[in-house]
Amino acid sequence: MPDRPRSSLQRRLFGWLLLPLLVALPLLGIALYQQVQHSAQSWLDEGLEDTALTLAGQIDLRGSEPRIDISATMDRALRFDRQDDVFYLVLGPGGDVLQGDAGLAEVQPRPAPQLAGESHYGDVRLRGRELRLVQLGHDCGAAGACQILVAETLHKRDALQREIGGLVALNGAGLAVLLALAGWWAIRQGLTPLTGLSAELERRDLHRLTPLTASLPRELVPLQAAFNRLFERLGRAAEAQREFLADAAHQLRTPLTSLQTEIELAMLEPHDRRVDPLLERLRLRVVRSARLAQQLLSLARAEDRSVDVGQRIDLRDIATESGQDWAHRSLPSGVDLGFELAGAPALGHAFLLRELLENLIHNAVTYAGPGARITVRSGTDGEGPWLEVEDNGPGIPVAERPAAMQRFRRGSSAAGAGSGLGLAIAADIAARHGGRLELLDAQSGSGLRARLSLPPPPPDPAPAA
């Protein structure tokens, strides 16, 4: 089954942060809108009440009946408004009209008469028009309270309501965007230590299990401690495995070498020639077992973290020593082993790099077949020092090359009696030196080119003055 796409922790945190934001902001916006609208309505209502108080101040109580006389100029002043129509009506204690718009008494719903000093606000309708009305009770002597009604249309109130709603919505949207951006930035900053921890973990392998020492937030310290304990356990397990391989290989190598010598001596003694094929097969099996024991010992050495791989060496010297060693060996019939060497200063461990080259040459000799031409090269380019072994054998298909560098894995077309450890050991030694081993096509014709690339060494320290 294909893996399900994994959700992002950053997006998940942002979603949980955004969810209450999307719920809380509209509620806060509605509450703010209602409060501002209520304040604006109260302010406008106070303006109507001020008009009513002005009218109350004009009532004359010196006669037997209250009366009011409003001049034309004052009438225009009371009714002046740039957006709305203003109406007023002054009623006596008995309900008789003293001044103003008599039709205002027909508003629906009609408010109840107010006691002296009391007022009432409300929305009413008059002949199909929506009005805002204030009714004020004013003391008109023993006869009772006069009723003063002041009303206006709702144009500026509706406009103010729309303006308040737009401003609240605009500011709410801006605040939401600002909080979202701030939350996204805060989450990214908060997760930065995790990114750094991931980078540190990516640099760890069985050859580098040093503890994590980065300064982390308090919440990540237990995770860091857990990783460090895991590295410690892995280190002990790897060390135990390495010691077992080294001990087993060392214990096997001596008796196998002795057995090989005994078989070769037996083949020299007088014997029935019919058992020669059997003795030869037995010798080859012992040689292969001895080679396997040697490879296991090399593998254990490659994984030994106590080995110093920071010594100044030259890959050309490594190849020269290996060439001298192979010059004293009996190569299969027709195999031509040549060297094209140039200086390649590097940092490493000479013994391990000789083991690497030994495995690459042995692989080429074993699998390239009779009449093979094998070339060992060294040099330096813009990326650093390199060492390669090229043969003109059948090679390894591109799709199988990654698997060929795994332990006990061989190519599908591999011949010979190899164990599948040579390239794996070479890859482990390359990784131990901070380099890489690549399996490439031969430069010309068919074949395989195994190339070791190492990091460039630091410059030599300047001599003391």
Protein backbone atom coordinates (compact mmCIF):
# COMPACT_ATOMS: atom_id res chain seq x y z
CA MET A 1 0.00 0.00 0.00
CA PRO A 2 1.32 3.50 -0.81
CA ASP A 3 2.23 5.62 2.17
CA ARG A 4 -0.36 8.16 3.17
CA PRO A 5 0.81 11.77 2.85
CA ARG A 6 1.91 12.92 6.28
CA SER A 7 0.45 16.08 7.73
CA SER A 8 2.77 18.93 8.65
CA LEU A 9 3.20 19.65 12.37
CA GLN A 10 3.51 23.33 11.53
CA ARG A 11 0.23 23.30 9.61
CA ARG A 12 -1.46 21.29 12.33
CA LEU A 13 -0.41 23.78 15.01
CA PHE A 14 -1.44 26.66 12.78
CA GLY A 15 -4.83 25.02 12.22
CA TRP A 16 -5.44 24.60 15.95
CA LEU A 17 -4.38 28.22 16.46
CA LEU A 18 -6.59 29.45 13.62
CA LEU A 19 -9.69 27.55 14.74
CA PRO A 20 -10.32 29.53 17.97
CA LEU A 21 -9.28 32.68 16.12
CA LEU A 22 -11.97 32.14 13.49
CA VAL A 23 -14.53 31.52 16.23
CA ALA A 24 -13.49 34.25 18.66
CA LEU A 25 -12.94 37.12 16.22
CA PRO A 26 -16.49 37.13 14.75
CA LEU A 27 -17.95 36.98 18.26
CA LEU A 28 -15.71 39.82 19.41
CA GLY A 29 -16.59 41.76 16.25
CA ILE A 30 -20.31 41.35 16.88
CA ALA A 31 -19.92 42.42 20.51
CA LEU A 32 -17.83 45.44 19.48
CA TYR A 33 -20.31 46.37 16.76
CA GLN A 34 -23.20 46.25 19.22
CA GLN A 35 -21.35 48.33 21.80
CA VAL A 36 -20.29 50.99 19.31
CA GLN A 37 -23.73 51.08 17.73
CA HIS A 38 -25.35 51.41 21.15
CA SER A 39 -23.02 54.30 22.01
CA ALA A 40 -23.76 56.03 18.70
CA GLN A 41 -27.53 55.55 19.16
CA SER A 42 -27.30 56.94 22.69
CA TRP A 43 -25.45 59.98 21.40
CA LEU A 44 -28.06 60.63 18.75
CA ASP A 45 -30.88 60.01 21.23
CA GLU A 46 -29.34 62.58 23.55
CA GLY A 47 -29.49 65.06 20.68
CA LEU A 48 -33.22 64.43 20.36
CA GLU A 49 -33.65 64.82 24.11
CA ASP A 50 -31.74 68.10 24.01
CA THR A 51 -34.27 69.34 21.44
CA ALA A 52 -37.08 68.21 23.71
CA LEU A 53 -35.53 70.03 26.68
CA THR A 54 -35.20 73.15 24.56
CA LEU A 55 -38.92 72.95 23.78
CA ALA A 56 -39.71 72.35 27.47
CA GLY A 57 -37.84 75.50 28.31
CA GLN A 58 -40.14 77.48 26.04
CA ILE A 59 -43.37 76.47 27.82
CA ASP A 60 -44.98 79.42 29.59
CA LEU A 61 -46.78 78.52 32.85
CA ARG A 62 -47.64 82.06 33.98
CA GLY A 63 -51.24 81.86 32.82
CA SER A 64 -54.07 79.61 33.78
CA GLU A 65 -53.14 77.26 30.98
CA PRO A 66 -49.65 76.36 29.78
CA ARG A 67 -48.77 77.79 26.41
CA ILE A 68 -45.74 77.94 24.11
CA ASP A 69 -44.79 80.37 21.41
CA ILE A 70 -42.12 79.28 18.89
CA SER A 71 -40.86 81.83 16.38
CA ALA A 72 -40.29 80.93 12.75
CA THR A 73 -36.53 81.31 13.23
CA MET A 74 -36.48 79.00 16.22
CA ASP A 75 -38.74 76.53 14.39
CA ARG A 76 -36.22 76.35 11.55
CA ALA A 77 -33.40 75.91 14.03
CA LEU A 78 -35.22 73.07 15.81
CA ARG A 79 -35.92 71.28 12.54
CA PHE A 80 -32.51 71.81 10.95
CA ASP A 81 -30.70 68.56 10.02
CA ARG A 82 -28.62 67.88 6.90
CA GLN A 83 -29.69 64.24 6.56
CA ASP A 84 -32.99 63.66 8.35
CA ASP A 85 -36.41 65.25 8.72
CA VAL A 86 -37.17 66.41 12.27
CA PHE A 87 -40.66 66.59 13.78
CA TYR A 88 -41.82 67.85 17.17
CA LEU A 89 -45.07 68.17 19.08
CA VAL A 90 -45.92 69.76 22.44
CA LEU A 91 -49.10 68.50 24.13
CA GLY A 92 -50.79 69.98 27.15
CA PRO A 93 -51.73 67.95 30.24
CA GLY A 94 -55.09 67.21 28.70
CA GLY A 95 -53.64 66.12 25.38
CA ASP A 96 -54.37 69.32 23.50
CA VAL A 97 -51.79 70.46 20.93
CA LEU A 98 -49.77 73.45 22.10
CA GLN A 99 -47.24 73.59 19.26
CA GLY A 100 -45.72 71.52 16.47
CA ASP A 101 -46.79 68.75 14.11
CA ALA A 102 -50.15 67.48 15.21
CA GLY A 103 -49.80 64.38 13.09
CA LEU A 104 -46.95 63.17 15.29
CA ALA A 105 -49.60 62.14 17.80
CA GLU A 106 -50.58 59.34 15.39
CA VAL A 107 -47.29 57.43 15.60
CA GLN A 108 -47.48 53.71 16.16
CA PRO A 109 -46.92 52.33 18.65
CA ARG A 110 -47.96 55.34 20.68
CA PRO A 111 -45.89 55.65 23.87
CA ALA A 112 -47.66 56.08 27.20
CA PRO A 113 -47.65 59.54 28.79
CA GLN A 114 -44.51 60.25 30.82
CA LEU A 115 -44.38 61.72 34.29
CA ALA A 116 -42.62 65.00 34.79
CA GLY A 117 -38.85 64.55 34.37
CA GLU A 118 -39.18 61.11 32.73
CA SER A 119 -38.39 60.28 29.10
CA HIS A 120 -38.96 57.41 26.72
CA TYR A 121 -37.11 56.41 23.52
CA GLY A 122 -38.44 54.13 20.81
CA ASP A 123 -38.72 53.30 17.13
CA VAL A 124 -42.12 54.19 15.68
CA ARG A 125 -43.88 54.40 12.32
CA LEU A 126 -45.77 57.38 10.94
CA ARG A 127 -47.58 57.03 7.63
CA GLY A 128 -45.18 54.33 6.42
CA ARG A 129 -42.02 56.11 7.55
CA GLU A 130 -39.61 54.76 10.20
CA LEU A 131 -38.84 57.31 12.91
CA ARG A 132 -36.84 57.53 16.11
CA LEU A 133 -38.92 59.16 18.86
CA VAL A 134 -38.21 60.63 22.28
CA GLN A 135 -41.12 61.56 24.56
CA LEU A 136 -40.38 63.79 27.54
CA GLY A 137 -42.69 64.60 30.46
CA HIS A 138 -42.53 68.21 31.71
CA ASP A 139 -44.16 69.62 34.84
CA CYS A 140 -46.96 71.93 33.79
CA GLY A 141 -48.29 72.77 37.24
CA ALA A 142 -51.33 71.42 39.01
CA ALA A 143 -52.89 70.36 35.72
CA GLY A 144 -50.34 67.62 35.28
CA ALA A 145 -47.43 66.92 32.93
CA CYS A 146 -47.07 68.25 29.42
CA GLN A 147 -45.82 65.74 26.81
CA ILE A 148 -43.06 66.80 24.40
CA LEU A 149 -42.44 64.52 21.42
CA VAL A 150 -39.43 64.90 19.11
CA ALA A 151 -38.80 62.48 16.22
CA GLU A 152 -36.50 62.20 13.21
CA THR A 153 -36.06 59.88 10.25
CA LEU A 154 -33.30 57.20 10.31
CA HIS A 155 -31.02 58.22 7.40
CA LYS A 156 -27.96 59.17 9.45
CA ARG A 157 -28.55 56.32 11.86
CA ASP A 158 -28.62 53.79 9.00
CA ALA A 159 -25.53 55.38 7.44
CA LEU A 160 -23.73 55.33 10.78
CA GLN A 161 -24.75 51.70 11.30
CA ARG A 162 -23.30 50.73 7.90
CA GLU A 163 -20.12 52.67 8.58
CA ILE A 164 -19.64 51.07 11.98
CA GLY A 165 -20.28 47.61 10.52
CA GLY A 166 -17.78 48.19 7.70
CA LEU A 167 -15.10 49.51 10.03
CA VAL A 168 -15.56 46.66 12.50
CA ALA A 169 -15.44 44.09 9.67
CA LEU A 170 -12.38 45.72 8.06
CA ASN A 171 -10.48 46.01 11.31
CA GLY A 172 -11.50 42.50 12.31
CA ALA A 173 -10.23 41.09 9.00
CA GLY A 174 -6.98 43.04 9.34
CA LEU A 175 -6.56 41.82 12.89
CA ALA A 176 -7.24 38.24 11.80
CA VAL A 177 -4.61 38.44 9.05
CA LEU A 178 -2.11 40.05 11.41
CA LEU A 179 -2.69 37.43 14.11
CA ALA A 180 -2.49 34.63 11.53
CA LEU A 181 0.84 35.91 10.20
CA ALA A 182 2.14 36.42 13.72
CA GLY A 183 1.01 32.91 14.68
CA TRP A 184 2.62 31.38 11.58
CA TRP A 185 5.89 33.20 12.29
CA ALA A 186 5.78 32.24 15.98
CA ILE A 187 5.17 28.57 15.13
CA ARG A 188 8.05 28.57 12.63
CA GLN A 189 10.34 30.13 15.21
CA GLY A 190 9.12 27.72 17.86
CA LEU A 191 9.83 24.71 15.64
CA THR A 192 13.32 25.90 14.64
CA PRO A 193 14.97 23.87 17.44
CA LEU A 194 13.30 20.74 16.01
CA THR A 195 14.79 21.51 12.60
CA GLY A 196 18.22 21.87 14.16
CA LEU A 197 17.73 18.64 16.10
CA SER A 198 16.74 16.84 12.88
CA ALA A 199 19.88 18.12 11.15
CA GLU A 200 22.01 16.86 14.05
CA LEU A 201 20.32 13.45 13.94
CA GLU A 202 20.84 13.26 10.18
CA ARG A 203 24.59 13.49 10.74
CA ARG A 204 24.63 10.54 13.13
CA ASP A 205 25.38 6.98 12.02
CA LEU A 206 27.04 3.91 13.51
CA HIS A 207 30.42 5.58 13.02
CA ARG A 208 29.35 8.82 14.73
CA LEU A 209 27.17 8.31 17.80
CA THR A 210 28.40 11.26 19.81
CA PRO A 211 25.80 12.74 22.21
CA LEU A 212 23.60 15.63 21.13
CA THR A 213 24.81 18.74 22.91
CA ALA A 214 22.78 21.54 21.25
CA SER A 215 21.05 23.99 23.58
CA LEU A 216 17.33 23.19 23.29
CA PRO A 217 14.13 24.48 24.92
CA ARG A 218 13.12 22.78 28.16
CA GLU A 219 10.35 20.79 26.42
CA LEU A 220 12.87 19.13 24.05
CA VAL A 221 15.48 18.24 26.66
CA PRO A 222 13.81 14.85 27.51
CA LEU A 223 13.77 14.00 23.79
CA GLN A 224 17.44 14.92 23.48
CA ALA A 225 18.28 12.80 26.53
CA ALA A 226 16.32 9.85 25.09
CA PHE A 227 18.27 10.07 21.82
CA ASN A 228 21.56 10.22 23.70
CA ARG A 229 20.64 7.09 25.68
CA LEU A 230 19.69 5.39 22.41
CA PHE A 231 23.05 6.37 20.87
CA GLU A 232 24.81 4.94 23.90
CA ARG A 233 22.96 1.63 23.56
CA LEU A 234 23.61 1.53 19.81
CA GLY A 235 27.29 2.25 20.42
CA ARG A 236 27.57 -0.62 22.89
CA ALA A 237 25.74 -2.97 20.50
CA ALA A 238 27.93 -1.94 17.55
CA GLU A 239 31.06 -2.36 19.64
CA ALA A 240 29.94 -5.80 20.78
CA GLN A 241 29.21 -6.80 17.17
CA ARG A 242 32.58 -5.48 16.01
CA GLU A 243 34.43 -7.34 18.74
CA PHE A 244 32.54 -10.53 17.91
CA LEU A 245 33.39 -10.22 14.20
CA ALA A 246 37.03 -9.47 14.97
CA ASP A 247 37.32 -12.38 17.42
CA ALA A 248 35.51 -14.81 15.13
CA ALA A 249 37.55 -13.79 12.09
CA HIS A 250 40.80 -13.96 14.03
CA GLN A 251 39.96 -17.38 15.43
CA LEU A 252 38.98 -18.69 12.01
CA ARG A 253 41.84 -17.24 9.99
CA THR A 254 44.68 -19.22 11.60
CA PRO A 255 43.10 -22.71 11.37
CA LEU A 256 41.89 -22.01 7.83
CA THR A 257 45.37 -20.95 6.77
CA SER A 258 46.78 -24.10 8.36
CA LEU A 259 44.13 -26.24 6.63
CA GLN A 260 44.98 -24.64 3.27
CA THR A 261 48.66 -25.42 3.82
CA GLU A 262 47.86 -29.01 4.78
CA ILE A 263 45.76 -29.50 1.63
CA GLU A 264 48.50 -28.06 -0.59
CA LEU A 265 51.06 -30.36 1.09
CA ALA A 266 48.72 -33.32 0.61
CA MET A 267 48.50 -32.52 -3.09
CA LEU A 268 52.32 -32.68 -3.29
CA GLU A 269 52.51 -36.08 -1.58
CA PRO A 270 52.12 -39.28 -3.59
CA HIS A 271 48.40 -40.03 -3.88
CA ASP A 272 45.77 -41.36 -6.21
CA ARG A 273 45.41 -38.77 -8.98
CA ARG A 274 41.69 -39.42 -9.12
CA VAL A 275 41.28 -37.40 -5.91
CA ASP A 276 43.03 -34.32 -7.38
CA PRO A 277 39.73 -32.66 -8.42
CA LEU A 278 38.36 -33.26 -4.93
CA LEU A 279 41.47 -31.82 -3.26
CA GLU A 280 41.40 -28.79 -5.58
CA ARG A 281 37.75 -28.09 -4.82
CA LEU A 282 38.51 -28.45 -1.12
CA ARG A 283 41.46 -26.04 -1.41
CA LEU A 284 39.33 -23.46 -3.22
CA ARG A 285 36.63 -23.71 -0.54
CA VAL A 286 39.23 -23.18 2.18
CA VAL A 287 40.76 -20.23 0.26
CA ARG A 288 37.32 -18.70 -0.05
CA SER A 289 36.61 -19.24 3.67
CA ALA A 290 39.95 -17.66 4.59
CA ARG A 291 39.15 -14.71 2.36
CA LEU A 292 35.76 -14.36 4.04
CA ALA A 293 37.38 -14.41 7.48
CA GLN A 294 39.82 -11.70 6.34
CA GLN A 295 36.90 -9.62 5.04
CA LEU A 296 35.01 -9.97 8.31
CA LEU A 297 38.11 -8.79 10.14
CA SER A 298 38.37 -5.82 7.75
CA LEU A 299 34.70 -5.05 8.34
CA ALA A 300 35.27 -5.00 12.09
CA ARG A 301 38.23 -2.67 11.67
CA ALA A 302 36.21 -0.34 9.42
CA GLU A 303 33.58 0.01 12.14
CA ASP A 304 36.10 0.61 14.94
CA ARG A 305 35.46 4.19 16.04
CA SER A 306 38.75 4.37 17.94
CA VAL A 307 40.70 4.34 14.66
CA ASP A 308 42.06 7.77 13.76
CA VAL A 309 41.06 8.61 10.19
CA GLY A 310 42.56 12.09 10.31
CA GLN A 311 46.16 11.18 9.41
CA ARG A 312 47.78 12.93 6.44
CA ILE A 313 48.32 10.41 3.64
CA ASP A 314 48.56 10.27 -0.14
CA LEU A 315 46.26 7.96 -2.09
CA ARG A 316 49.06 7.51 -4.65
CA ASP A 317 51.21 5.90 -1.93
CA ILE A 318 48.32 3.63 -0.95
CA ALA A 319 47.93 2.48 -4.56
CA THR A 320 51.69 2.00 -4.98
CA GLU A 321 51.91 -0.26 -1.93
CA SER A 322 48.93 -2.30 -3.12
CA GLY A 323 50.51 -2.58 -6.57
CA GLN A 324 53.71 -3.93 -5.06
CA ASP A 325 51.69 -6.46 -3.08
CA TRP A 326 49.73 -7.62 -6.15
CA ALA A 327 52.94 -7.90 -8.16
CA HIS A 328 53.91 -10.92 -6.02
CA ARG A 329 50.57 -12.66 -6.48
CA SER A 330 49.57 -15.03 -9.23
CA LEU A 331 46.84 -13.33 -11.27
CA PRO A 332 44.38 -15.39 -13.37
CA SER A 333 45.43 -16.06 -16.90
CA GLY A 334 45.43 -12.99 -19.14
CA VAL A 335 44.57 -10.45 -16.43
CA ASP A 336 46.42 -7.16 -16.98
CA LEU A 337 46.70 -4.97 -13.86
CA GLY A 338 47.97 -1.44 -14.57
CA PHE A 339 48.38 1.80 -12.63
CA GLU A 340 47.88 5.46 -13.63
CA LEU A 341 48.73 7.37 -10.46
CA ALA A 342 48.95 11.04 -9.59
CA GLY A 343 49.39 12.72 -6.24
CA ALA A 344 46.22 12.79 -4.13
CA PRO A 345 46.84 14.18 -0.60
CA ALA A 346 44.05 13.31 1.81
CA LEU A 347 43.17 12.66 5.43
CA GLY A 348 42.58 9.04 6.39
CA HIS A 349 43.89 5.81 7.80
CA ALA A 350 46.42 4.10 5.55
CA PHE A 351 45.61 0.53 6.61
CA LEU A 352 41.85 0.94 6.12
CA LEU A 353 42.31 2.59 2.71
CA ARG A 354 44.62 -0.26 1.64
CA GLU A 355 41.85 -2.67 2.70
CA LEU A 356 39.41 -0.66 0.58
CA LEU A 357 41.66 -0.77 -2.49
CA GLU A 358 42.43 -4.45 -1.87
CA ASN A 359 38.71 -5.26 -1.97
CA LEU A 360 38.13 -3.21 -5.14
CA ILE A 361 41.04 -4.87 -6.98
CA HIS A 362 40.06 -8.31 -5.72
CA ASN A 363 36.48 -7.71 -6.91
CA ALA A 364 37.69 -6.65 -10.34
CA VAL A 365 40.02 -9.67 -10.64
CA THR A 366 37.28 -12.05 -9.47
CA TYR A 367 34.37 -10.82 -11.59
CA ALA A 368 35.98 -9.27 -14.69
CA GLY A 369 36.86 -12.72 -16.05
CA PRO A 370 39.86 -14.12 -17.95
CA GLY A 371 41.75 -11.63 -20.10
CA ALA A 372 40.47 -8.67 -18.07
CA ARG A 373 42.22 -5.32 -18.15
CA ILE A 374 42.18 -3.58 -14.76
CA THR A 375 43.43 -0.04 -14.17
CA VAL A 376 44.00 1.67 -10.82
CA ARG A 377 44.03 5.48 -10.89
CA SER A 378 44.47 8.26 -8.34
CA GLY A 379 44.34 12.03 -8.51
CA THR A 380 42.74 15.25 -7.28
CA ASP A 381 40.06 17.42 -8.83
CA GLY A 382 37.96 20.37 -7.73
CA GLU A 383 36.00 18.23 -5.27
CA GLY A 384 38.98 16.61 -3.57
CA PRO A 385 41.22 13.51 -3.81
CA TRP A 386 39.95 10.36 -5.53
CA LEU A 387 40.96 6.77 -6.16
CA GLU A 388 39.34 4.43 -8.66
CA VAL A 389 39.56 0.91 -10.02
CA GLU A 390 38.26 0.28 -13.54
CA ASP A 391 37.82 -3.03 -15.36
CA ASN A 392 36.48 -4.07 -18.76
CA GLY A 393 34.35 -6.91 -17.42
CA PRO A 394 30.57 -7.36 -17.68
CA GLY A 395 29.93 -4.64 -15.09
CA ILE A 396 26.84 -4.25 -12.89
CA PRO A 397 23.47 -3.00 -14.19
CA VAL A 398 22.70 0.52 -12.98
CA ALA A 399 19.55 -0.62 -11.16
CA GLU A 400 21.52 -3.21 -9.15
CA ARG A 401 24.45 -0.97 -8.11
CA PRO A 402 22.96 0.34 -4.82
CA ALA A 403 22.18 -3.23 -3.71
CA ALA A 404 25.66 -4.42 -4.75
CA MET A 405 27.18 -2.25 -2.00
CA GLN A 406 25.11 -3.97 0.67
CA ARG A 407 26.50 -6.86 2.67
CA PHE A 408 26.20 -10.34 1.19
CA ARG A 409 24.52 -9.00 -1.96
CA ARG A 410 25.82 -9.75 -5.45
CA GLY A 411 24.74 -8.69 -8.89
CA SER A 412 22.42 -10.99 -10.82
CA SER A 413 25.07 -11.55 -13.51
CA ALA A 414 28.01 -11.96 -11.10
CA ALA A 415 30.23 -14.97 -11.75
CA GLY A 416 32.92 -16.42 -9.52
CA ALA A 417 32.76 -17.46 -5.89
CA GLY A 418 32.65 -14.12 -4.08
CA SER A 419 30.88 -13.59 -0.78
CA GLY A 420 29.24 -10.24 -1.52
CA LEU A 421 31.25 -8.38 1.13
CA GLY A 422 33.98 -6.63 -0.87
CA LEU A 423 32.01 -3.61 -2.06
CA ALA A 424 30.15 -3.35 1.27
CA ILE A 425 33.45 -3.16 3.15
CA ALA A 426 34.78 -0.57 0.71
CA ALA A 427 31.59 1.52 1.11
CA ASP A 428 31.85 1.32 4.93
CA ILE A 429 35.48 2.43 4.86
CA ALA A 430 34.58 5.31 2.52
CA ALA A 431 31.80 6.44 4.85
CA ARG A 432 34.14 6.10 7.84
CA HIS A 433 36.40 8.66 6.11
CA GLY A 434 33.54 11.04 5.32
CA GLY A 435 33.73 10.16 1.62
CA ARG A 436 31.64 8.14 -0.78
CA LEU A 437 32.05 5.13 -3.03
CA GLU A 438 30.37 5.26 -6.43
CA LEU A 439 29.86 2.53 -9.01
CA LEU A 440 30.10 4.11 -12.47
CA ASP A 441 30.37 2.99 -16.08
CA ALA A 442 33.85 2.43 -17.44
CA GLN A 443 35.35 5.40 -19.27
CA SER A 444 35.50 3.46 -22.52
CA GLY A 445 33.63 0.34 -23.57
CA SER A 446 31.95 -2.04 -21.16
CA GLY A 447 32.98 -2.59 -17.57
CA LEU A 448 32.72 -1.06 -14.12
CA ARG A 449 34.51 1.86 -12.49
CA ALA A 450 34.51 1.96 -8.67
CA ARG A 451 35.46 5.47 -7.55
CA LEU A 452 36.34 6.61 -4.02
CA SER A 453 35.97 10.36 -3.40
CA LEU A 454 37.29 11.91 -0.17
CA PRO A 455 36.86 15.42 1.24
CA PRO A 456 39.71 17.81 0.44
CA PRO A 457 42.26 17.98 3.28
CA PRO A 458 42.87 21.25 5.12
CA PRO A 459 46.00 23.17 4.10
CA ASP A 460 49.22 22.31 5.83
CA PRO A 461 49.91 24.49 8.88
CA ALA A 462 52.39 27.28 8.27
CA PRO A 463 55.86 26.59 9.72
CA ALA A 464 56.69 28.40 12.94
CA ALA A 465 58.80 31.53 12.51
